[in-house]
Amino acid sequence: SAAAVTSPELVQQLDAMTHDVADMRNRVEQFAAKQEQTGQNIETL
């Protein structure tokens, strides 16, 4: 009965957290790419 009580709520929370972590990882990668591009622009200038 313990697995049945927590299962639907926990699955929703776990899915939301997984989605948030994926978004954060994507943002960090975009930020790193922008920093690299900015560094290249500075070197060119």
PDB file of all heavy atoms in Angstrom:
ATOM      1  N   SER A   1       0.820  -1.203   0.000  1.00  0.00           N
ATOM      2  CA  SER A   1       0.000   0.000   0.000  1.00  0.00           C
ATOM      3  C   SER A   1       0.862   1.264   0.000  1.00  0.00           C
ATOM      4  O   SER A   1       0.459   2.292  -0.512  1.00  0.00           O
ATOM      5  CB  SER A   1      -0.932   0.009   1.217  1.00  0.00           C
ATOM      6  OG  SER A   1      -0.142   0.043   2.399  1.00  0.00           O
ATOM      7  N   ALA A   2       2.103   1.212   0.521  1.00  0.00           N
ATOM      8  CA  ALA A   2       2.981   2.383   0.545  1.00  0.00           C
ATOM      9  C   ALA A   2       3.400   2.770  -0.860  1.00  0.00           C
ATOM     10  O   ALA A   2       3.469   3.951  -1.203  1.00  0.00           O
ATOM     11  CB  ALA A   2       4.211   2.116   1.398  1.00  0.00           C
ATOM     12  N   ALA A   3       3.692   1.815  -1.718  1.00  0.00           N
ATOM     13  CA  ALA A   3       4.089   2.093  -3.088  1.00  0.00           C
ATOM     14  C   ALA A   3       2.927   2.674  -3.871  1.00  0.00           C
ATOM     15  O   ALA A   3       3.099   3.538  -4.710  1.00  0.00           O
ATOM     16  CB  ALA A   3       4.604   0.832  -3.756  1.00  0.00           C
ATOM     17  N   ALA A   4       1.723   2.233  -3.587  1.00  0.00           N
ATOM     18  CA  ALA A   4       0.549   2.709  -4.309  1.00  0.00           C
ATOM     19  C   ALA A   4       0.204   4.136  -3.921  1.00  0.00           C
ATOM     20  O   ALA A   4      -0.280   4.898  -4.739  1.00  0.00           O
ATOM     21  CB  ALA A   4      -0.631   1.790  -4.050  1.00  0.00           C
ATOM     22  N   VAL A   5       0.456   4.520  -2.654  1.00  0.00           N
ATOM     23  CA  VAL A   5       0.094   5.854  -2.188  1.00  0.00           C
ATOM     24  C   VAL A   5       1.022   6.911  -2.791  1.00  0.00           C
ATOM     25  O   VAL A   5       0.578   7.958  -3.220  1.00  0.00           O
ATOM     26  CB  VAL A   5       0.145   5.915  -0.644  1.00  0.00           C
ATOM     27  CG1 VAL A   5      -0.012   7.337  -0.153  1.00  0.00           C
ATOM     28  CG2 VAL A   5      -0.921   5.031  -0.068  1.00  0.00           C
ATOM     29  N   THR A   6       2.310   6.652  -2.838  1.00  0.00           N
ATOM     30  CA  THR A   6       3.263   7.659  -3.298  1.00  0.00           C
ATOM     31  C   THR A   6       3.524   7.613  -4.790  1.00  0.00           C
ATOM     32  O   THR A   6       4.054   8.535  -5.344  1.00  0.00           O
ATOM     33  CB  THR A   6       4.590   7.483  -2.557  1.00  0.00           C
ATOM     34  OG1 THR A   6       5.074   6.181  -2.826  1.00  0.00           O
ATOM     35  CG2 THR A   6       4.429   7.718  -1.086  1.00  0.00           C
ATOM     36  N   SER A   7       3.192   6.617  -5.458  1.00  0.00           N
ATOM     37  CA  SER A   7       3.581   6.401  -6.837  1.00  0.00           C
ATOM     38  C   SER A   7       3.092   7.483  -7.806  1.00  0.00           C
ATOM     39  O   SER A   7       3.914   8.060  -8.507  1.00  0.00           O
ATOM     40  CB  SER A   7       3.122   5.025  -7.279  1.00  0.00           C
ATOM     41  OG  SER A   7       3.356   4.841  -8.635  1.00  0.00           O
ATOM     42  N   PRO A   8       1.828   7.846  -7.928  1.00  0.00           N
ATOM     43  CA  PRO A   8       1.413   8.823  -8.935  1.00  0.00           C
ATOM     44  C   PRO A   8       1.981  10.219  -8.653  1.00  0.00           C
ATOM     45  O   PRO A   8       2.419  10.916  -9.577  1.00  0.00           O
ATOM     46  CB  PRO A   8      -0.100   8.853  -8.878  1.00  0.00           C
ATOM     47  CG  PRO A   8      -0.528   7.680  -8.072  1.00  0.00           C
ATOM     48  CD  PRO A   8       0.650   7.228  -7.295  1.00  0.00           C
ATOM     49  N   GLU A   9       2.008  10.665  -7.436  1.00  0.00           N
ATOM     50  CA  GLU A   9       2.539  11.982  -7.104  1.00  0.00           C
ATOM     51  C   GLU A   9       4.043  12.048  -7.350  1.00  0.00           C
ATOM     52  O   GLU A   9       4.559  13.016  -7.896  1.00  0.00           O
ATOM     53  CB  GLU A   9       2.237  12.331  -5.647  1.00  0.00           C
ATOM     54  CG  GLU A   9       0.774  12.514  -5.359  1.00  0.00           C
ATOM     55  CD  GLU A   9       0.510  12.684  -3.870  1.00  0.00           C
ATOM     56  OE1 GLU A   9       1.469  12.614  -3.078  1.00  0.00           O
ATOM     57  OE2 GLU A   9      -0.652  12.880  -3.521  1.00  0.00           O
ATOM     58  N   LEU A  10       4.717  10.990  -6.920  1.00  0.00           N
ATOM     59  CA  LEU A  10       6.162  10.962  -7.079  1.00  0.00           C
ATOM     60  C   LEU A  10       6.576  10.900  -8.547  1.00  0.00           C
ATOM     61  O   LEU A  10       7.559  11.518  -8.959  1.00  0.00           O
ATOM     62  CB  LEU A  10       6.774   9.790  -6.317  1.00  0.00           C
ATOM     63  CG  LEU A  10       6.792   9.931  -4.811  1.00  0.00           C
ATOM     64  CD1 LEU A  10       7.365   8.677  -4.179  1.00  0.00           C
ATOM     65  CD2 LEU A  10       7.591  11.126  -4.382  1.00  0.00           C
ATOM     66  N   VAL A  11       5.836  10.182  -9.344  1.00  0.00           N
ATOM     67  CA  VAL A  11       6.157  10.084 -10.767  1.00  0.00           C
ATOM     68  C   VAL A  11       6.017  11.454 -11.413  1.00  0.00           C
ATOM     69  O   VAL A  11       6.863  11.874 -12.211  1.00  0.00           O
ATOM     70  CB  VAL A  11       5.253   9.037 -11.455  1.00  0.00           C
ATOM     71  CG1 VAL A  11       5.383   9.110 -12.975  1.00  0.00           C
ATOM     72  CG2 VAL A  11       5.600   7.640 -10.969  1.00  0.00           C
ATOM     73  N   GLN A  12       4.964  12.210 -11.073  1.00  0.00           N
ATOM     74  CA  GLN A  12       4.782  13.562 -11.613  1.00  0.00           C
ATOM     75  C   GLN A  12       5.927  14.478 -11.186  1.00  0.00           C
ATOM     76  O   GLN A  12       6.464  15.229 -11.990  1.00  0.00           O
ATOM     77  CB  GLN A  12       3.451  14.152 -11.135  1.00  0.00           C
ATOM     78  CG  GLN A  12       2.274  13.707 -11.953  1.00  0.00           C
ATOM     79  CD  GLN A  12       1.008  14.419 -11.475  1.00  0.00           C
ATOM     80  OE1 GLN A  12       0.925  14.887 -10.341  1.00  0.00           O
ATOM     81  NE2 GLN A  12       0.019  14.471 -12.349  1.00  0.00           N
ATOM     82  N   GLN A  13       6.259  14.418  -9.895  1.00  0.00           N
ATOM     83  CA  GLN A  13       7.340  15.257  -9.385  1.00  0.00           C
ATOM     84  C   GLN A  13       8.679  14.890 -10.035  1.00  0.00           C
ATOM     85  O   GLN A  13       9.463  15.755 -10.407  1.00  0.00           O
ATOM     86  CB  GLN A  13       7.444  15.136  -7.864  1.00  0.00           C
ATOM     87  CG  GLN A  13       6.300  15.775  -7.132  1.00  0.00           C
ATOM     88  CD  GLN A  13       6.399  15.566  -5.622  1.00  0.00           C
ATOM     89  OE1 GLN A  13       7.355  14.968  -5.142  1.00  0.00           O
ATOM     90  NE2 GLN A  13       5.399  16.044  -4.893  1.00  0.00           N
ATOM     91  N   LEU A  14       8.908  13.599 -10.160  1.00  0.00           N
ATOM     92  CA  LEU A  14      10.143  13.136 -10.761  1.00  0.00           C
ATOM     93  C   LEU A  14      10.234  13.558 -12.233  1.00  0.00           C
ATOM     94  O   LEU A  14      11.289  13.996 -12.707  1.00  0.00           O
ATOM     95  CB  LEU A  14      10.253  11.611 -10.630  1.00  0.00           C
ATOM     96  CG  LEU A  14      11.573  11.000 -11.067  1.00  0.00           C
ATOM     97  CD1 LEU A  14      12.712  11.582 -10.253  1.00  0.00           C
ATOM     98  CD2 LEU A  14      11.531   9.502 -10.912  1.00  0.00           C
ATOM     99  N   ASP A  15       9.129  13.473 -12.980  1.00  0.00           N
ATOM    100  CA  ASP A  15       9.113  13.922 -14.377  1.00  0.00           C
ATOM    101  C   ASP A  15       9.385  15.427 -14.466  1.00  0.00           C
ATOM    102  O   ASP A  15      10.141  15.883 -15.334  1.00  0.00           O
ATOM    103  CB  ASP A  15       7.770  13.604 -15.034  1.00  0.00           C
ATOM    104  CG  ASP A  15       7.619  12.123 -15.348  1.00  0.00           C
ATOM    105  OD1 ASP A  15       8.648  11.414 -15.348  1.00  0.00           O
ATOM    106  OD2 ASP A  15       6.471  11.686 -15.597  1.00  0.00           O
ATOM    107  N   ALA A  16       8.773  16.202 -13.567  1.00  0.00           N
ATOM    108  CA  ALA A  16       8.968  17.647 -13.577  1.00  0.00           C
ATOM    109  C   ALA A  16      10.421  17.989 -13.271  1.00  0.00           C
ATOM    110  O   ALA A  16      11.023  18.863 -13.917  1.00  0.00           O
ATOM    111  CB  ALA A  16       8.034  18.312 -12.571  1.00  0.00           C
ATOM    112  N   MET A  17      10.994  17.309 -12.301  1.00  0.00           N
ATOM    113  CA  MET A  17      12.397  17.558 -11.951  1.00  0.00           C
ATOM    114  C   MET A  17      13.331  17.164 -13.087  1.00  0.00           C
ATOM    115  O   MET A  17      14.299  17.864 -13.386  1.00  0.00           O
ATOM    116  CB  MET A  17      12.771  16.802 -10.681  1.00  0.00           C
ATOM    117  CG  MET A  17      12.246  17.400  -9.430  1.00  0.00           C
ATOM    118  SD  MET A  17      12.895  16.420  -8.086  1.00  0.00           S
ATOM    119  CE  MET A  17      12.058  17.186  -6.740  1.00  0.00           C
ATOM    120  N   THR A  18      13.072  16.078 -13.733  1.00  0.00           N
ATOM    121  CA  THR A  18      13.889  15.636 -14.856  1.00  0.00           C
ATOM    122  C   THR A  18      13.840  16.662 -15.987  1.00  0.00           C
ATOM    123  O   THR A  18      14.861  16.997 -16.589  1.00  0.00           O
ATOM    124  CB  THR A  18      13.403  14.264 -15.360  1.00  0.00           C
ATOM    125  OG1 THR A  18      13.395  13.352 -14.277  1.00  0.00           O
ATOM    126  CG2 THR A  18      14.276  13.737 -16.477  1.00  0.00           C
ATOM    127  N   HIS A  19      12.625  17.169 -16.235  1.00  0.00           N
ATOM    128  CA  HIS A  19      12.460  18.193 -17.272  1.00  0.00           C
ATOM    129  C   HIS A  19      13.230  19.455 -16.883  1.00  0.00           C
ATOM    130  O   HIS A  19      13.908  20.058 -17.727  1.00  0.00           O
ATOM    131  CB  HIS A  19      10.971  18.491 -17.458  1.00  0.00           C
ATOM    132  CG  HIS A  19      10.694  19.478 -18.541  1.00  0.00           C
ATOM    133  ND1 HIS A  19      10.918  19.208 -19.867  1.00  0.00           N
ATOM    134  CD2 HIS A  19      10.215  20.746 -18.487  1.00  0.00           C
ATOM    135  CE1 HIS A  19      10.598  20.267 -20.573  1.00  0.00           C
ATOM    136  NE2 HIS A  19      10.155  21.221 -19.765  1.00  0.00           N
ATOM    137  N   ASP A  20      13.151  19.866 -15.616  1.00  0.00           N
ATOM    138  CA  ASP A  20      13.867  21.056 -15.151  1.00  0.00           C
ATOM    139  C   ASP A  20      15.382  20.880 -15.275  1.00  0.00           C
ATOM    140  O   ASP A  20      16.096  21.797 -15.682  1.00  0.00           O
ATOM    141  CB  ASP A  20      13.502  21.387 -13.695  1.00  0.00           C
ATOM    142  CG  ASP A  20      12.094  21.958 -13.574  1.00  0.00           C
ATOM    143  OD1 ASP A  20      11.523  22.361 -14.609  1.00  0.00           O
ATOM    144  OD2 ASP A  20      11.574  22.005 -12.437  1.00  0.00           O
ATOM    145  N   VAL A  21      15.888  19.724 -14.908  1.00  0.00           N
ATOM    146  CA  VAL A  21      17.318  19.449 -15.007  1.00  0.00           C
ATOM    147  C   VAL A  21      17.762  19.493 -16.473  1.00  0.00           C
ATOM    148  O   VAL A  21      18.814  20.056 -16.799  1.00  0.00           O
ATOM    149  CB  VAL A  21      17.668  18.081 -14.346  1.00  0.00           C
ATOM    150  CG1 VAL A  21      19.082  17.663 -14.683  1.00  0.00           C
ATOM    151  CG2 VAL A  21      17.470  18.162 -12.852  1.00  0.00           C
ATOM    152  N   ALA A  22      16.959  18.954 -17.372  1.00  0.00           N
ATOM    153  CA  ALA A  22      17.294  18.981 -18.801  1.00  0.00           C
ATOM    154  C   ALA A  22      17.323  20.420 -19.314  1.00  0.00           C
ATOM    155  O   ALA A  22      18.204  20.794 -20.092  1.00  0.00           O
ATOM    156  CB  ALA A  22      16.292  18.151 -19.599  1.00  0.00           C
ATOM    157  N   ASP A  23      16.336  21.233 -18.857  1.00  0.00           N
ATOM    158  CA  ASP A  23      16.328  22.642 -19.244  1.00  0.00           C
ATOM    159  C   ASP A  23      17.578  23.353 -18.738  1.00  0.00           C
ATOM    160  O   ASP A  23      18.193  24.140 -19.460  1.00  0.00           O
ATOM    161  CB  ASP A  23      15.081  23.359 -18.707  1.00  0.00           C
ATOM    162  CG  ASP A  23      13.844  23.066 -19.535  1.00  0.00           C
ATOM    163  OD1 ASP A  23      13.987  22.549 -20.663  1.00  0.00           O
ATOM    164  OD2 ASP A  23      12.729  23.370 -19.045  1.00  0.00           O
ATOM    165  N   MET A  24      17.942  23.105 -17.493  1.00  0.00           N
ATOM    166  CA  MET A  24      19.128  23.745 -16.915  1.00  0.00           C
ATOM    167  C   MET A  24      20.380  23.346 -17.676  1.00  0.00           C
ATOM    168  O   MET A  24      21.228  24.195 -17.977  1.00  0.00           O
ATOM    169  CB  MET A  24      19.290  23.354 -15.439  1.00  0.00           C
ATOM    170  CG  MET A  24      18.277  23.977 -14.561  1.00  0.00           C
ATOM    171  SD  MET A  24      18.830  25.581 -14.129  1.00  0.00           S
ATOM    172  CE  MET A  24      18.477  25.552 -12.414  1.00  0.00           C
ATOM    173  N   ARG A  25      20.509  22.076 -18.001  1.00  0.00           N
ATOM    174  CA  ARG A  25      21.668  21.588 -18.731  1.00  0.00           C
ATOM    175  C   ARG A  25      21.740  22.269 -20.104  1.00  0.00           C
ATOM    176  O   ARG A  25      22.810  22.699 -20.543  1.00  0.00           O
ATOM    177  CB  ARG A  25      21.606  20.071 -18.892  1.00  0.00           C
ATOM    178  CG  ARG A  25      22.823  19.498 -19.594  1.00  0.00           C
ATOM    179  CD  ARG A  25      22.819  17.994 -19.649  1.00  0.00           C
ATOM    180  NE  ARG A  25      22.951  17.466 -18.300  1.00  0.00           N
ATOM    181  CZ  ARG A  25      22.383  16.348 -17.878  1.00  0.00           C
ATOM    182  NH1 ARG A  25      21.642  15.637 -18.696  1.00  0.00           N
ATOM    183  NH2 ARG A  25      22.557  15.924 -16.644  1.00  0.00           N
ATOM    184  N   ASN A  26      20.580  22.398 -20.763  1.00  0.00           N
ATOM    185  CA  ASN A  26      20.530  23.055 -22.064  1.00  0.00           C
ATOM    186  C   ASN A  26      20.951  24.515 -21.946  1.00  0.00           C
ATOM    187  O   ASN A  26      21.715  25.026 -22.769  1.00  0.00           O
ATOM    188  CB  ASN A  26      19.113  22.943 -22.631  1.00  0.00           C
ATOM    189  CG  ASN A  26      19.050  23.362 -24.089  1.00  0.00           C
ATOM    190  OD1 ASN A  26      20.076  23.482 -24.749  1.00  0.00           O
ATOM    191  ND2 ASN A  26      17.851  23.588 -24.581  1.00  0.00           N
ATOM    192  N   ARG A  27      20.485  25.214 -20.911  1.00  0.00           N
ATOM    193  CA  ARG A  27      20.852  26.616 -20.711  1.00  0.00           C
ATOM    194  C   ARG A  27      22.346  26.764 -20.432  1.00  0.00           C
ATOM    195  O   ARG A  27      22.983  27.703 -20.906  1.00  0.00           O
ATOM    196  CB  ARG A  27      20.041  27.222 -19.570  1.00  0.00           C
ATOM    197  CG  ARG A  27      18.600  27.452 -19.940  1.00  0.00           C
ATOM    198  CD  ARG A  27      17.858  28.139 -18.830  1.00  0.00           C
ATOM    199  NE  ARG A  27      16.445  28.126 -19.101  1.00  0.00           N
ATOM    200  CZ  ARG A  27      15.500  28.003 -18.193  1.00  0.00           C
ATOM    201  NH1 ARG A  27      15.825  27.872 -16.923  1.00  0.00           N
ATOM    202  NH2 ARG A  27      14.241  28.005 -18.526  1.00  0.00           N
ATOM    203  N   VAL A  28      22.902  25.862 -19.636  1.00  0.00           N
ATOM    204  CA  VAL A  28      24.334  25.914 -19.331  1.00  0.00           C
ATOM    205  C   VAL A  28      25.141  25.710 -20.616  1.00  0.00           C
ATOM    206  O   VAL A  28      26.127  26.412 -20.861  1.00  0.00           O
ATOM    207  CB  VAL A  28      24.706  24.863 -18.253  1.00  0.00           C
ATOM    208  CG1 VAL A  28      26.208  24.680 -18.163  1.00  0.00           C
ATOM    209  CG2 VAL A  28      24.125  25.261 -16.913  1.00  0.00           C
ATOM    210  N   GLU A  29      24.717  24.783 -21.463  1.00  0.00           N
ATOM    211  CA  GLU A  29      25.421  24.552 -22.724  1.00  0.00           C
ATOM    212  C   GLU A  29      25.334  25.771 -23.632  1.00  0.00           C
ATOM    213  O   GLU A  29      26.317  26.152 -24.273  1.00  0.00           O
ATOM    214  CB  GLU A  29      24.858  23.311 -23.420  1.00  0.00           C
ATOM    215  CG  GLU A  29      25.223  22.009 -22.736  1.00  0.00           C
ATOM    216  CD  GLU A  29      24.502  20.803 -23.329  1.00  0.00           C
ATOM    217  OE1 GLU A  29      23.678  20.977 -24.256  1.00  0.00           O
ATOM    218  OE2 GLU A  29      24.762  19.689 -22.854  1.00  0.00           O
ATOM    219  N   GLN A  30      24.148  26.412 -23.682  1.00  0.00           N
ATOM    220  CA  GLN A  30      23.993  27.618 -24.495  1.00  0.00           C
ATOM    221  C   GLN A  30      24.878  28.751 -23.958  1.00  0.00           C
ATOM    222  O   GLN A  30      25.508  29.479 -24.721  1.00  0.00           O
ATOM    223  CB  GLN A  30      22.532  28.069 -24.523  1.00  0.00           C
ATOM    224  CG  GLN A  30      21.635  27.175 -25.350  1.00  0.00           C
ATOM    225  CD  GLN A  30      20.175  27.600 -25.271  1.00  0.00           C
ATOM    226  OE1 GLN A  30      19.805  28.475 -24.496  1.00  0.00           O
ATOM    227  NE2 GLN A  30      19.336  26.959 -26.078  1.00  0.00           N
ATOM    228  N   PHE A  31      24.929  28.890 -22.636  1.00  0.00           N
ATOM    229  CA  PHE A  31      25.749  29.924 -22.019  1.00  0.00           C
ATOM    230  C   PHE A  31      27.225  29.690 -22.325  1.00  0.00           C
ATOM    231  O   PHE A  31      27.956  30.611 -22.672  1.00  0.00           O
ATOM    232  CB  PHE A  31      25.511  29.944 -20.506  1.00  0.00           C
ATOM    233  CG  PHE A  31      26.287  30.992 -19.782  1.00  0.00           C
ATOM    234  CD1 PHE A  31      25.956  32.328 -19.901  1.00  0.00           C
ATOM    235  CD2 PHE A  31      27.378  30.646 -18.994  1.00  0.00           C
ATOM    236  CE1 PHE A  31      26.676  33.298 -19.243  1.00  0.00           C
ATOM    237  CE2 PHE A  31      28.119  31.612 -18.343  1.00  0.00           C
ATOM    238  CZ  PHE A  31      27.759  32.945 -18.457  1.00  0.00           C
ATOM    239  N   ALA A  32      27.662  28.441 -22.225  1.00  0.00           N
ATOM    240  CA  ALA A  32      29.061  28.121 -22.526  1.00  0.00           C
ATOM    241  C   ALA A  32      29.371  28.411 -23.988  1.00  0.00           C
ATOM    242  O   ALA A  32      30.445  28.940 -24.318  1.00  0.00           O
ATOM    243  CB  ALA A  32      29.339  26.650 -22.198  1.00  0.00           C
ATOM    244  N   ALA A  33      28.433  28.112 -24.888  1.00  0.00           N
ATOM    245  CA  ALA A  33      28.647  28.391 -26.307  1.00  0.00           C
ATOM    246  C   ALA A  33      28.735  29.899 -26.551  1.00  0.00           C
ATOM    247  O   ALA A  33      29.572  30.362 -27.329  1.00  0.00           O
ATOM    248  CB  ALA A  33      27.517  27.785 -27.141  1.00  0.00           C
ATOM    249  N   LYS A  34      27.895  30.675 -25.866  1.00  0.00           N
ATOM    250  CA  LYS A  34      27.950  32.138 -26.014  1.00  0.00           C
ATOM    251  C   LYS A  34      29.264  32.686 -25.481  1.00  0.00           C
ATOM    252  O   LYS A  34      29.850  33.597 -26.062  1.00  0.00           O
ATOM    253  CB  LYS A  34      26.779  32.799 -25.276  1.00  0.00           C
ATOM    254  CG  LYS A  34      25.462  32.677 -26.012  1.00  0.00           C
ATOM    255  CD  LYS A  34      24.364  33.400 -25.273  1.00  0.00           C
ATOM    256  CE  LYS A  34      23.033  33.241 -25.977  1.00  0.00           C
ATOM    257  NZ  LYS A  34      21.939  33.907 -25.255  1.00  0.00           N
ATOM    258  N   GLN A  35      29.734  32.145 -24.354  1.00  0.00           N
ATOM    259  CA  GLN A  35      31.014  32.594 -23.806  1.00  0.00           C
ATOM    260  C   GLN A  35      32.153  32.296 -24.778  1.00  0.00           C
ATOM    261  O   GLN A  35      33.051  33.117 -24.982  1.00  0.00           O
ATOM    262  CB  GLN A  35      31.294  31.921 -22.460  1.00  0.00           C
ATOM    263  CG  GLN A  35      30.609  32.575 -21.296  1.00  0.00           C
ATOM    264  CD  GLN A  35      31.040  31.949 -19.988  1.00  0.00           C
ATOM    265  OE1 GLN A  35      31.282  30.751 -19.907  1.00  0.00           O
ATOM    266  NE2 GLN A  35      31.128  32.771 -18.958  1.00  0.00           N
ATOM    267  N   GLU A  36      32.131  31.125 -25.370  1.00  0.00           N
ATOM    268  CA  GLU A  36      33.176  30.749 -26.323  1.00  0.00           C
ATOM    269  C   GLU A  36      33.144  31.676 -27.543  1.00  0.00           C
ATOM    270  O   GLU A  36      34.183  32.155 -28.002  1.00  0.00           O
ATOM    271  CB  GLU A  36      32.987  29.300 -26.762  1.00  0.00           C
ATOM    272  CG  GLU A  36      34.081  28.800 -27.685  1.00  0.00           C
ATOM    273  CD  GLU A  36      33.902  27.339 -28.060  1.00  0.00           C
ATOM    274  OE1 GLU A  36      33.199  26.611 -27.343  1.00  0.00           O
ATOM    275  OE2 GLU A  36      34.479  26.952 -29.083  1.00  0.00           O
ATOM    276  N   GLN A  37      31.928  31.967 -28.047  1.00  0.00           N
ATOM    277  CA  GLN A  37      31.799  32.864 -29.195  1.00  0.00           C
ATOM    278  C   GLN A  37      32.283  34.264 -28.830  1.00  0.00           C
ATOM    279  O   GLN A  37      32.977  34.915 -29.609  1.00  0.00           O
ATOM    280  CB  GLN A  37      30.341  32.914 -29.675  1.00  0.00           C
ATOM    281  CG  GLN A  37      30.127  33.783 -30.890  1.00  0.00           C
ATOM    282  CD  GLN A  37      30.864  33.266 -32.113  1.00  0.00           C
ATOM    283  OE1 GLN A  37      30.945  32.077 -32.337  1.00  0.00           O
ATOM    284  NE2 GLN A  37      31.422  34.171 -32.894  1.00  0.00           N
ATOM    285  N   THR A  38      31.951  34.737 -27.630  1.00  0.00           N
ATOM    286  CA  THR A  38      32.396  36.052 -27.183  1.00  0.00           C
ATOM    287  C   THR A  38      33.915  36.088 -27.088  1.00  0.00           C
ATOM    288  O   THR A  38      34.549  37.066 -27.493  1.00  0.00           O
ATOM    289  CB  THR A  38      31.762  36.402 -25.822  1.00  0.00           C
ATOM    290  OG1 THR A  38      30.341  36.361 -25.955  1.00  0.00           O
ATOM    291  CG2 THR A  38      32.181  37.779 -25.348  1.00  0.00           C
ATOM    292  N   GLY A  39      34.516  35.035 -26.569  1.00  0.00           N
ATOM    293  CA  GLY A  39      35.976  34.963 -26.496  1.00  0.00           C
ATOM    294  C   GLY A  39      36.610  35.026 -27.871  1.00  0.00           C
ATOM    295  O   GLY A  39      37.618  35.706 -28.079  1.00  0.00           O
ATOM    296  N   GLN A  40      36.013  34.319 -28.841  1.00  0.00           N
ATOM    297  CA  GLN A  40      36.544  34.354 -30.205  1.00  0.00           C
ATOM    298  C   GLN A  40      36.403  35.755 -30.805  1.00  0.00           C
ATOM    299  O   GLN A  40      37.298  36.232 -31.492  1.00  0.00           O
ATOM    300  CB  GLN A  40      35.828  33.328 -31.082  1.00  0.00           C
ATOM    301  CG  GLN A  40      36.169  31.895 -30.735  1.00  0.00           C
ATOM    302  CD  GLN A  40      35.319  30.884 -31.505  1.00  0.00           C
ATOM    303  OE1 GLN A  40      34.392  31.247 -32.209  1.00  0.00           O
ATOM    304  NE2 GLN A  40      35.649  29.612 -31.354  1.00  0.00           N
ATOM    305  N   ASN A  41      35.267  36.399 -30.531  1.00  0.00           N
ATOM    306  CA  ASN A  41      35.063  37.768 -31.040  1.00  0.00           C
ATOM    307  C   ASN A  41      36.090  38.721 -30.448  1.00  0.00           C
ATOM    308  O   ASN A  41      36.622  39.584 -31.143  1.00  0.00           O
ATOM    309  CB  ASN A  41      33.647  38.260 -30.722  1.00  0.00           C
ATOM    310  CG  ASN A  41      32.588  37.555 -31.544  1.00  0.00           C
ATOM    311  OD1 ASN A  41      32.889  36.880 -32.513  1.00  0.00           O
ATOM    312  ND2 ASN A  41      31.343  37.687 -31.145  1.00  0.00           N
ATOM    313  N   ILE A  42      36.368  38.585 -29.156  1.00  0.00           N
ATOM    314  CA  ILE A  42      37.349  39.445 -28.502  1.00  0.00           C
ATOM    315  C   ILE A  42      38.732  39.221 -29.099  1.00  0.00           C
ATOM    316  O   ILE A  42      39.466  40.171 -29.382  1.00  0.00           O
ATOM    317  CB  ILE A  42      37.346  39.214 -26.976  1.00  0.00           C
ATOM    318  CG1 ILE A  42      36.060  39.775 -26.374  1.00  0.00           C
ATOM    319  CG2 ILE A  42      38.567  39.843 -26.319  1.00  0.00           C
ATOM    320  CD1 ILE A  42      35.862  39.437 -24.916  1.00  0.00           C
ATOM    321  N   GLU A  43      39.102  37.965 -29.335  1.00  0.00           N
ATOM    322  CA  GLU A  43      40.401  37.667 -29.937  1.00  0.00           C
ATOM    323  C   GLU A  43      40.506  38.268 -31.341  1.00  0.00           C
ATOM    324  O   GLU A  43      41.543  38.820 -31.715  1.00  0.00           O
ATOM    325  CB  GLU A  43      40.618  36.156 -30.002  1.00  0.00           C
ATOM    326  CG  GLU A  43      40.865  35.513 -28.653  1.00  0.00           C
ATOM    327  CD  GLU A  43      40.945  33.994 -28.733  1.00  0.00           C
ATOM    328  OE1 GLU A  43      40.836  33.443 -29.844  1.00  0.00           O
ATOM    329  OE2 GLU A  43      41.113  33.376 -27.668  1.00  0.00           O
ATOM    330  N   THR A  44      39.414  38.178 -32.102  1.00  0.00           N
ATOM    331  CA  THR A  44      39.410  38.750 -33.448  1.00  0.00           C
ATOM    332  C   THR A  44      39.577  40.261 -33.385  1.00  0.00           C
ATOM    333  O   THR A  44      40.361  40.842 -34.137  1.00  0.00           O
ATOM    334  CB  THR A  44      38.091  38.399 -34.171  1.00  0.00           C
ATOM    335  OG1 THR A  44      37.958  36.978 -34.203  1.00  0.00           O
ATOM    336  CG2 THR A  44      38.079  38.952 -35.593  1.00  0.00           C
ATOM    337  N   LEU A  45      38.850  40.924 -32.480  1.00  0.00           N
ATOM    338  CA  LEU A  45      38.956  42.371 -32.341  1.00  0.00           C
ATOM    339  C   LEU A  45      40.355  42.782 -31.900  1.00  0.00           C
ATOM    340  O   LEU A  45      40.900  43.786 -32.373  1.00  0.00           O
ATOM    341  CB  LEU A  45      37.918  42.891 -31.348  1.00  0.00           C
ATOM    342  CG  LEU A  45      36.464  42.861 -31.836  1.00  0.00           C
ATOM    343  CD1 LEU A  45      35.517  43.266 -30.703  1.00  0.00           C
ATOM    344  CD2 LEU A  45      36.282  43.760 -33.027  1.00  0.00           C
TER     345      LEU A  45
END
